[in-house]
Amino acid sequence: MSWKIKDTENWQQLLSNHGYSESSLAREIGVTYQSIWRYRKKGDAMRPENARKISKLLGGNIKDFFYQ
């Protein structure tokens, strides 16, 4: 199952609140900036392991930030 970002409008602010930019988050989880951008702007789905990594970095449950 792949996951999509729930709140794309506030995604960048959410990352910033946790000390990340899209670039730094991409490096942290091992994807390109373009992938993170596509997840947010185009609604592309991400692999479950990437969604889990991001959720862990942001200190929440996967369903707090993503939907299937």
Protein backbone atom coordinates (compact mmCIF):
# COMPACT_ATOMS: atom_id res chain seq x y z
CA MET A 1 0.00 0.00 0.00
CA SER A 2 1.34 3.43 -0.84
CA TRP A 3 0.71 6.63 1.10
CA LYS A 4 -0.12 10.22 0.13
CA ILE A 5 0.38 13.41 2.12
CA LYS A 6 -2.81 14.45 3.92
CA ASP A 7 -2.30 18.20 4.25
CA THR A 8 -0.29 19.39 1.26
CA GLU A 9 -1.21 23.03 1.95
CA ASN A 10 0.58 23.07 5.32
CA TRP A 11 3.23 20.42 4.58
CA GLN A 12 6.17 22.82 4.35
CA GLN A 13 5.15 24.57 7.59
CA LEU A 14 4.83 21.21 9.34
CA LEU A 15 8.34 20.25 8.24
CA SER A 16 9.68 23.63 9.31
CA ASN A 17 8.08 23.26 12.75
CA HIS A 18 10.13 20.07 13.17
CA GLY A 19 13.37 21.58 11.86
CA TYR A 20 13.25 20.20 8.32
CA SER A 21 13.00 21.59 4.84
CA GLU A 22 11.86 19.43 1.95
CA SER A 23 15.52 19.10 0.90
CA SER A 24 16.77 18.04 4.32
CA LEU A 25 13.88 15.61 4.75
CA ALA A 26 14.63 14.08 1.34
CA ARG A 27 18.27 13.54 2.34
CA GLU A 28 17.21 12.08 5.69
CA ILE A 29 14.95 9.43 4.16
CA GLY A 30 17.10 8.76 1.11
CA VAL A 31 15.04 10.18 -1.76
CA THR A 32 15.55 13.13 -4.09
CA TYR A 33 14.11 16.57 -3.52
CA GLN A 34 12.10 16.05 -6.72
CA SER A 35 10.41 13.03 -5.15
CA ILE A 36 9.37 15.03 -2.08
CA TRP A 37 8.14 17.83 -4.35
CA ARG A 38 6.05 15.38 -6.40
CA TYR A 39 4.56 13.87 -3.23
CA ARG A 40 3.35 17.34 -2.25
CA LYS A 41 2.57 19.09 -5.54
CA LYS A 42 1.40 16.28 -7.79
CA GLY A 43 -0.12 14.02 -5.14
CA ASP A 44 2.22 11.15 -5.96
CA ALA A 45 2.12 8.25 -3.54
CA MET A 46 5.20 7.19 -1.60
CA ARG A 47 6.41 3.79 -0.53
CA PRO A 48 5.31 2.67 2.94
CA GLU A 49 8.85 2.62 4.32
CA ASN A 50 9.36 6.28 3.37
CA ALA A 51 6.06 7.29 4.96
CA ARG A 52 7.08 5.42 8.13
CA LYS A 53 10.48 7.15 8.21
CA ILE A 54 8.90 10.58 7.80
CA SER A 55 6.28 9.87 10.49
CA LYS A 56 9.00 8.80 12.89
CA LEU A 57 11.06 11.94 12.16
CA LEU A 58 8.01 14.14 12.70
CA GLY A 59 7.14 12.34 15.93
CA GLY A 60 3.76 10.94 15.04
CA ASN A 61 1.77 8.05 13.68
CA ILE A 62 1.78 7.39 9.94
CA LYS A 63 -1.97 8.16 9.75
CA ASP A 64 -1.37 11.59 11.31
CA PHE A 65 0.37 12.75 8.14
CA PHE A 66 -0.65 10.36 5.35
CA TYR A 67 -3.63 8.55 3.87
CA GLN A 68 -3.94 5.59 1.50
